[in-house]
C-alpha atoms as a PDB file:
ATOM      1  CA  MET A   1     -18.586 -34.782 -33.416  1.00  0.00           C
ATOM      2  CA  LYS A   2     -21.851 -35.248 -31.519  1.00  0.00           C
ATOM      3  CA  ARG A   3     -22.641 -32.145 -29.462  1.00  0.00           C
ATOM      4  CA  ASN A   4     -23.548 -33.368 -25.987  1.00  0.00           C
ATOM      5  CA  ARG A   5     -21.227 -31.637 -23.528  1.00  0.00           C
ATOM      6  CA  VAL A   6     -21.967 -29.184 -20.741  1.00  0.00           C
ATOM      7  CA  VAL A   7     -18.771 -27.229 -20.140  1.00  0.00           C
ATOM      8  CA  ALA A   8     -17.732 -25.216 -17.084  1.00  0.00           C
ATOM      9  CA  ILE A   9     -14.986 -22.662 -17.768  1.00  0.00           C
ATOM     10  CA  GLY A  10     -12.727 -20.730 -15.396  1.00  0.00           C
ATOM     11  CA  ASN A  11      -9.342 -20.426 -13.746  1.00  0.00           C
ATOM     12  CA  PHE A  12     -10.520 -22.397 -10.698  1.00  0.00           C
ATOM     13  CA  ASP A  13      -7.591 -21.332  -8.506  1.00  0.00           C
ATOM     14  CA  GLY A  14      -8.389 -22.835  -5.130  1.00  0.00           C
ATOM     15  CA  PHE A  15     -11.646 -24.601  -6.071  1.00  0.00           C
ATOM     16  CA  HIS A  16     -13.399 -22.395  -3.512  1.00  0.00           C
ATOM     17  CA  LEU A  17     -17.112 -22.225  -2.654  1.00  0.00           C
ATOM     18  CA  GLY A  18     -17.896 -20.173  -5.769  1.00  0.00           C
ATOM     19  CA  HIS A  19     -16.122 -22.688  -7.985  1.00  0.00           C
ATOM     20  CA  LYS A  20     -17.912 -25.543  -6.213  1.00  0.00           C
ATOM     21  CA  GLU A  21     -21.249 -23.923  -7.084  1.00  0.00           C
ATOM     22  CA  ILE A  22     -20.243 -23.956 -10.759  1.00  0.00           C
ATOM     23  CA  ILE A  23     -19.362 -27.647 -10.494  1.00  0.00           C
ATOM     24  CA  LYS A  24     -22.660 -28.435  -8.716  1.00  0.00           C
ATOM     25  CA  GLU A  25     -24.487 -26.861 -11.666  1.00  0.00           C
ATOM     26  CA  LEU A  26     -22.347 -28.949 -14.026  1.00  0.00           C
ATOM     27  CA  TYR A  27     -23.623 -32.121 -12.356  1.00  0.00           C
ATOM     28  CA  ARG A  28     -27.209 -30.827 -12.135  1.00  0.00           C
ATOM     29  CA  LEU A  29     -27.272 -30.389 -15.911  1.00  0.00           C
ATOM     30  CA  ARG A  30     -25.687 -33.798 -16.410  1.00  0.00           C
ATOM     31  CA  ASP A  31     -28.399 -35.431 -14.296  1.00  0.00           C
ATOM     32  CA  ARG A  32     -31.255 -33.340 -15.730  1.00  0.00           C
ATOM     33  CA  GLN A  33     -30.303 -33.287 -19.418  1.00  0.00           C
ATOM     34  CA  GLY A  34     -27.992 -36.272 -19.827  1.00  0.00           C
ATOM     35  CA  TYR A  35     -25.070 -34.097 -20.932  1.00  0.00           C
ATOM     36  CA  GLU A  36     -21.450 -35.158 -20.548  1.00  0.00           C
ATOM     37  CA  PRO A  37     -19.792 -32.857 -17.959  1.00  0.00           C
ATOM     38  CA  MET A  38     -16.423 -31.271 -18.704  1.00  0.00           C
ATOM     39  CA  LEU A  39     -14.389 -28.641 -16.921  1.00  0.00           C
ATOM     40  CA  VAL A  40     -12.170 -26.340 -18.978  1.00  0.00           C
ATOM     41  CA  THR A  41      -9.340 -24.360 -17.460  1.00  0.00           C
ATOM     42  CA  PHE A  42      -6.022 -22.931 -18.661  1.00  0.00           C
ATOM     43  CA  ASP A  43      -2.294 -23.560 -18.497  1.00  0.00           C
ATOM     44  CA  PRO A  44      -0.527 -21.344 -17.756  1.00  0.00           C
ATOM     45  CA  ASN A  45      -2.939 -19.487 -15.516  1.00  0.00           C
ATOM     46  CA  PRO A  46      -3.963 -16.285 -17.382  1.00  0.00           C
ATOM     47  CA  LYS A  47      -2.691 -14.063 -14.551  1.00  0.00           C
ATOM     48  CA  VAL A  48       0.736 -15.689 -14.799  1.00  0.00           C
ATOM     49  CA  PHE A  49       0.621 -15.317 -18.589  1.00  0.00           C
ATOM     50  CA  PHE A  50      -0.107 -11.576 -18.336  1.00  0.00           C
ATOM     51  CA  GLY A  51       2.666 -11.069 -15.770  1.00  0.00           C
ATOM     52  CA  ILE A  52       0.368 -10.181 -12.877  1.00  0.00           C
ATOM     53  CA  GLU A  53       2.340 -10.621  -9.669  1.00  0.00           C
ATOM     54  CA  GLU A  54      -0.083 -12.816  -7.771  1.00  0.00           C
ATOM     55  CA  ARG A  55       0.823 -16.104  -6.144  1.00  0.00           C
ATOM     56  CA  LEU A  56      -1.537 -18.963  -6.958  1.00  0.00           C
ATOM     57  CA  ILE A  57      -3.404 -20.964  -4.323  1.00  0.00           C
ATOM     58  CA  LEU A  58      -3.002 -24.268  -6.184  1.00  0.00           C
ATOM     59  CA  THR A  59      -0.134 -25.771  -8.102  1.00  0.00           C
ATOM     60  CA  LEU A  60      -0.943 -27.453 -11.418  1.00  0.00           C
ATOM     61  CA  LYS A  61      -0.464 -30.846  -9.750  1.00  0.00           C
ATOM     62  CA  GLN A  62      -2.893 -29.951  -6.962  1.00  0.00           C
ATOM     63  CA  LYS A  63      -5.472 -28.673  -9.441  1.00  0.00           C
ATOM     64  CA  LYS A  64      -5.350 -31.962 -11.362  1.00  0.00           C
ATOM     65  CA  ALA A  65      -5.707 -33.886  -8.080  1.00  0.00           C
ATOM     66  CA  PHE A  66      -8.857 -31.908  -7.227  1.00  0.00           C
ATOM     67  CA  LEU A  67     -10.323 -32.707 -10.646  1.00  0.00           C
ATOM     68  CA  ILE A  68      -9.776 -36.434 -10.105  1.00  0.00           C
ATOM     69  CA  GLU A  69     -11.283 -36.202  -6.613  1.00  0.00           C
ATOM     70  CA  MET A  70     -14.397 -34.492  -8.021  1.00  0.00           C
ATOM     71  CA  GLY A  71     -14.798 -37.107 -10.747  1.00  0.00           C
ATOM     72  CA  LEU A  72     -13.846 -34.692 -13.528  1.00  0.00           C
ATOM     73  CA  CYS A  73     -11.076 -36.722 -15.119  1.00  0.00           C
ATOM     74  CA  ASP A  74     -12.434 -35.795 -18.552  1.00  0.00           C
ATOM     75  CA  SER A  75     -11.263 -32.199 -18.197  1.00  0.00           C
ATOM     76  CA  THR A  76      -9.250 -29.999 -20.527  1.00  0.00           C
ATOM     77  CA  PHE A  77      -6.393 -27.583 -19.923  1.00  0.00           C
ATOM     78  CA  PHE A  78      -6.372 -25.215 -22.887  1.00  0.00           C
ATOM     79  CA  ASP A  79      -2.987 -23.767 -23.834  1.00  0.00           C
ATOM     80  CA  PHE A  80      -3.479 -20.140 -22.888  1.00  0.00           C
ATOM     81  CA  HIS A  81      -0.696 -19.033 -25.242  1.00  0.00           C
ATOM     82  CA  GLN A  82      -2.957 -20.178 -28.076  1.00  0.00           C
ATOM     83  CA  VAL A  83      -6.415 -19.133 -26.868  1.00  0.00           C
ATOM     84  CA  SER A  84      -5.245 -15.693 -25.718  1.00  0.00           C
ATOM     85  CA  ARG A  85      -4.799 -14.767 -29.403  1.00  0.00           C
ATOM     86  CA  MET A  86      -8.293 -15.889 -30.428  1.00  0.00           C
ATOM     87  CA  SER A  87     -11.337 -13.664 -30.709  1.00  0.00           C
ATOM     88  CA  GLY A  88     -14.192 -14.477 -28.351  1.00  0.00           C
ATOM     89  CA  ARG A  89     -16.268 -15.799 -31.249  1.00  0.00           C
ATOM     90  CA  ASP A  90     -13.473 -18.108 -32.454  1.00  0.00           C
ATOM     91  CA  PHE A  91     -12.886 -19.366 -28.909  1.00  0.00           C
ATOM     92  CA  VAL A  92     -16.543 -20.340 -28.519  1.00  0.00           C
ATOM     93  CA  GLU A  93     -17.180 -21.510 -32.081  1.00  0.00           C
ATOM     94  CA  LYS A  94     -13.928 -23.350 -32.784  1.00  0.00           C
ATOM     95  CA  LYS A  95     -12.691 -24.502 -29.365  1.00  0.00           C
ATOM     96  CA  LEU A  96     -15.828 -25.046 -27.290  1.00  0.00           C
ATOM     97  CA  ILE A  97     -18.331 -26.084 -29.957  1.00  0.00           C
ATOM     98  CA  GLY A  98     -16.006 -27.384 -32.686  1.00  0.00           C
ATOM     99  CA  GLU A  99     -13.466 -29.283 -30.577  1.00  0.00           C
ATOM    100  CA  LEU A 100     -15.470 -30.169 -27.472  1.00  0.00           C
ATOM    101  CA  GLY A 101     -19.021 -30.514 -28.796  1.00  0.00           C
ATOM    102  CA  MET A 102     -20.426 -28.053 -26.268  1.00  0.00           C
ATOM    103  CA  VAL A 103     -24.205 -27.567 -26.020  1.00  0.00           C
ATOM    104  CA  HIS A 104     -24.279 -25.649 -22.724  1.00  0.00           C
ATOM    105  CA  VAL A 105     -21.688 -23.525 -20.938  1.00  0.00           C
ATOM    106  CA  ILE A 106     -21.438 -22.533 -17.260  1.00  0.00           C
ATOM    107  CA  VAL A 107     -19.359 -19.515 -16.176  1.00  0.00           C
ATOM    108  CA  GLY A 108     -18.951 -17.226 -13.195  1.00  0.00           C
ATOM    109  CA  TYR A 109     -20.525 -13.761 -13.141  1.00  0.00           C
ATOM    110  CA  ASN A 110     -17.210 -12.009 -13.910  1.00  0.00           C
ATOM    111  CA  PHE A 111     -16.077 -14.259 -16.776  1.00  0.00           C
ATOM    112  CA  LYS A 112     -14.177 -12.556 -19.604  1.00  0.00           C
ATOM    113  CA  PHE A 113     -12.685 -14.177 -22.675  1.00  0.00           C
ATOM    114  CA  GLY A 114     -11.206 -13.613 -26.115  1.00  0.00           C
ATOM    115  CA  LYS A 115      -8.196 -11.575 -27.166  1.00  0.00           C
ATOM    116  CA  ASN A 116      -7.395  -8.822 -24.618  1.00  0.00           C
ATOM    117  CA  ARG A 117     -10.367 -10.081 -22.526  1.00  0.00           C
ATOM    118  CA  GLU A 118     -12.650  -7.905 -24.641  1.00  0.00           C
ATOM    119  CA  TRP A 119     -15.636 -10.294 -24.481  1.00  0.00           C
ATOM    120  CA  ASP A 120     -17.842 -10.538 -21.387  1.00  0.00           C
ATOM    121  CA  ILE A 121     -21.098 -12.079 -20.142  1.00  0.00           C
ATOM    122  CA  GLU A 122     -23.245  -9.895 -22.398  1.00  0.00           C
ATOM    123  CA  SER A 123     -21.149 -10.950 -25.412  1.00  0.00           C
ATOM    124  CA  LEU A 124     -21.577 -14.586 -24.386  1.00  0.00           C
ATOM    125  CA  LYS A 125     -25.358 -14.181 -24.091  1.00  0.00           C
ATOM    126  CA  LYS A 126     -25.500 -12.842 -27.669  1.00  0.00           C
ATOM    127  CA  LEU A 127     -23.348 -15.713 -28.936  1.00  0.00           C
ATOM    128  CA  SER A 128     -25.525 -18.276 -27.141  1.00  0.00           C
ATOM    129  CA  LYS A 129     -28.593 -17.050 -29.021  1.00  0.00           C
ATOM    130  CA  GLU A 130     -26.765 -16.781 -32.331  1.00  0.00           C
ATOM    131  CA  LEU A 131     -24.943 -20.125 -32.182  1.00  0.00           C
ATOM    132  CA  GLY A 132     -27.620 -22.068 -30.299  1.00  0.00           C
ATOM    133  CA  PHE A 133     -26.102 -23.170 -27.011  1.00  0.00           C
ATOM    134  CA  GLY A 134     -27.345 -22.893 -23.425  1.00  0.00           C
ATOM    135  CA  LEU A 135     -25.751 -20.547 -20.898  1.00  0.00           C
ATOM    136  CA  THR A 136     -25.761 -20.506 -17.094  1.00  0.00           C
ATOM    137  CA  VAL A 137     -24.093 -17.648 -15.201  1.00  0.00           C
ATOM    138  CA  ILE A 138     -23.325 -18.331 -11.531  1.00  0.00           C
ATOM    139  CA  SER A 139     -23.855 -15.382  -9.186  1.00  0.00           C
ATOM    140  CA  PRO A 140     -21.239 -14.430  -6.569  1.00  0.00           C
ATOM    141  CA  ILE A 141     -21.271 -16.447  -3.335  1.00  0.00           C
ATOM    142  CA  LEU A 142     -21.305 -14.464  -0.078  1.00  0.00           C
ATOM    143  CA  LEU A 143     -20.032 -15.756   3.257  1.00  0.00           C
ATOM    144  CA  ASN A 144     -20.426 -13.492   6.299  1.00  0.00           C
ATOM    145  CA  SER A 145     -21.089 -10.574   3.930  1.00  0.00           C
ATOM    146  CA  GLU A 146     -17.790 -11.198   2.098  1.00  0.00           C
ATOM    147  CA  ARG A 147     -17.738 -12.140  -1.583  1.00  0.00           C
ATOM    148  CA  VAL A 148     -15.884 -15.431  -1.961  1.00  0.00           C
ATOM    149  CA  SER A 149     -12.963 -14.985  -4.350  1.00  0.00           C
ATOM    150  CA  SER A 150      -9.475 -16.346  -4.924  1.00  0.00           C
ATOM    151  CA  THR A 151      -8.081 -12.866  -4.225  1.00  0.00           C
ATOM    152  CA  LEU A 152      -9.694 -12.717  -0.772  1.00  0.00           C
ATOM    153  CA  ILE A 153      -8.541 -16.251   0.035  1.00  0.00           C
ATOM    154  CA  ARG A 154      -4.942 -15.429  -0.921  1.00  0.00           C
ATOM    155  CA  LYS A 155      -5.068 -12.425   1.413  1.00  0.00           C
ATOM    156  CA  LYS A 156      -6.372 -14.559   4.286  1.00  0.00           C
ATOM    157  CA  ILE A 157      -3.694 -17.217   3.759  1.00  0.00           C
ATOM    158  CA  LEU A 158      -0.832 -14.736   3.547  1.00  0.00           C
ATOM    159  CA  GLU A 159      -2.037 -13.082   6.773  1.00  0.00           C
ATOM    160  CA  GLY A 160      -2.068 -16.451   8.534  1.00  0.00           C
ATOM    161  CA  GLN A 161      -5.879 -16.589   8.734  1.00  0.00           C
ATOM    162  CA  VAL A 162      -5.937 -20.173   7.530  1.00  0.00           C
ATOM    163  CA  SER A 163      -9.167 -21.088   9.379  1.00  0.00           C
ATOM    164  CA  GLU A 164     -10.968 -18.204   7.675  1.00  0.00           C
ATOM    165  CA  ALA A 165      -9.474 -19.222   4.333  1.00  0.00           C
ATOM    166  CA  ALA A 166     -10.706 -22.798   4.866  1.00  0.00           C
ATOM    167  CA  LYS A 167     -14.283 -21.556   5.320  1.00  0.00           C
ATOM    168  CA  LEU A 168     -14.086 -19.703   1.995  1.00  0.00           C
ATOM    169  CA  LEU A 169     -12.438 -22.637   0.247  1.00  0.00           C
ATOM    170  CA  GLY A 170     -14.686 -25.329   1.671  1.00  0.00           C
ATOM    171  CA  HIS A 171     -11.570 -27.375   2.478  1.00  0.00           C
ATOM    172  CA  TYR A 172      -8.209 -26.899   4.173  1.00  0.00           C
ATOM    173  CA  PHE A 173      -5.402 -25.097   2.372  1.00  0.00           C
ATOM    174  CA  TYR A 174      -2.324 -27.279   1.967  1.00  0.00           C
ATOM    175  CA  ILE A 175       1.124 -27.396   0.438  1.00  0.00           C
ATOM    176  CA  ASP A 176       2.880 -30.506  -0.847  1.00  0.00           C
ATOM    177  CA  GLY A 177       6.327 -31.443  -2.047  1.00  0.00           C
ATOM    178  CA  ILE A 178       9.419 -33.553  -1.469  1.00  0.00           C
ATOM    179  CA  ILE A 179      11.215 -33.687   1.891  1.00  0.00           C
ATOM    180  CA  VAL A 180      14.826 -32.532   1.511  1.00  0.00           C
ATOM    181  CA  ARG A 181      17.802 -32.269   3.846  1.00  0.00           C
ATOM    182  CA  GLY A 182      18.376 -28.824   5.360  1.00  0.00           C
ATOM    183  CA  SER A 183      21.276 -27.341   7.324  1.00  0.00           C
ATOM    184  CA  GLY A 184      20.272 -29.102  10.568  1.00  0.00           C
ATOM    185  CA  ARG A 185      20.038 -25.907  12.663  1.00  0.00           C
ATOM    186  CA  GLY A 186      16.688 -26.920  14.163  1.00  0.00           C
ATOM    187  CA  HIS A 187      17.978 -30.315  15.229  1.00  0.00           C
ATOM    188  CA  LYS A 188      20.984 -28.717  16.977  1.00  0.00           C
ATOM    189  CA  ILE A 189      18.765 -26.604  19.233  1.00  0.00           C
ATOM    190  CA  GLY A 190      16.263 -29.364  19.978  1.00  0.00           C
ATOM    191  CA  TYR A 191      13.608 -28.456  17.411  1.00  0.00           C
ATOM    192  CA  PRO A 192      14.144 -30.649  14.333  1.00  0.00           C
ATOM    193  CA  THR A 193      12.143 -29.537  11.308  1.00  0.00           C
ATOM    194  CA  VAL A 194      10.978 -31.029   8.037  1.00  0.00           C
ATOM    195  CA  ASN A 195      12.188 -29.125   4.976  1.00  0.00           C
ATOM    196  CA  ILE A 196       9.977 -29.358   1.908  1.00  0.00           C
ATOM    197  CA  SER A 197      10.874 -28.571  -1.684  1.00  0.00           C
ATOM    198  CA  THR A 198       7.546 -27.422  -3.113  1.00  0.00           C
ATOM    199  CA  GLU A 199       5.973 -25.721  -6.119  1.00  0.00           C
ATOM    200  CA  SER A 200       3.416 -24.078  -3.814  1.00  0.00           C
ATOM    201  CA  GLN A 201       3.584 -20.281  -3.856  1.00  0.00           C
ATOM    202  CA  LEU A 202       1.551 -19.270  -0.786  1.00  0.00           C
ATOM    203  CA  PHE A 203       3.011 -19.563   2.698  1.00  0.00           C
ATOM    204  CA  PRO A 204       0.952 -18.348   5.687  1.00  0.00           C
ATOM    205  CA  LEU A 205       2.498 -15.911   8.135  1.00  0.00           C
ATOM    206  CA  GLY A 206       2.964 -17.197  11.702  1.00  0.00           C
ATOM    207  CA  VAL A 207       3.495 -20.384  13.693  1.00  0.00           C
ATOM    208  CA  LEU A 208       0.857 -22.911  12.632  1.00  0.00           C
ATOM    209  CA  GLN A 209      -0.490 -26.243  13.815  1.00  0.00           C
ATOM    210  CA  THR A 210      -0.298 -28.630  10.863  1.00  0.00           C
ATOM    211  CA  GLU A 211      -1.107 -32.156   9.849  1.00  0.00           C
ATOM    212  CA  LEU A 212       1.645 -33.935   7.933  1.00  0.00           C
ATOM    213  CA  ARG A 213       0.742 -36.733   5.549  1.00  0.00           C
ATOM    214  CA  ILE A 214       3.426 -38.999   4.079  1.00  0.00           C
ATOM    215  CA  GLU A 215       2.340 -41.748   1.665  1.00  0.00           C
ATOM    216  CA  ASN A 216      -1.220 -41.654   3.043  1.00  0.00           C
ATOM    217  CA  GLU A 217      -0.043 -42.121   6.661  1.00  0.00           C
END
């Protein structure tokens, strides 16, 4: 396989401002070096795999929709059951270089990889010199003195601070799903509601103004 790919790796839960900076760098390297851009993420999400009780901002369907919207259709969801058992060296050498033809990798400042997450940025720097690939590490993004992170955004959403969450995300938070019939209690008291069966896991606290979109209307 010809090695000509620049690869961005991460969980990308939310595609927030920090993630968007990684993707901007992906396109900068494409335009500057002529590399083929590819985003690599994981299914299931590593936090879900390790049993960490943390609700995700995006469903798998929503994450794939964001990738299409950003023009990253040629993206890969690695099976985390498989890669979680690999050493950091094997992950880079066999998966990224061997399977994907990677010549440059872009990661966030807190990226960890390999079995038991024992490999970090310093390990990746050593591998880049040894195996001959480029490396870009994206620094944390600050907004109003707060470090943009999926954890902070989840907190904002759960507290009902959806406008603040939107600033950190760079887009509005949303849920999607199928409308289903409920018990009709709202209709009986003059406030009919729409009941949605959804895979979304985050639901803001409070009474919220929303925009409802059905089949692009």
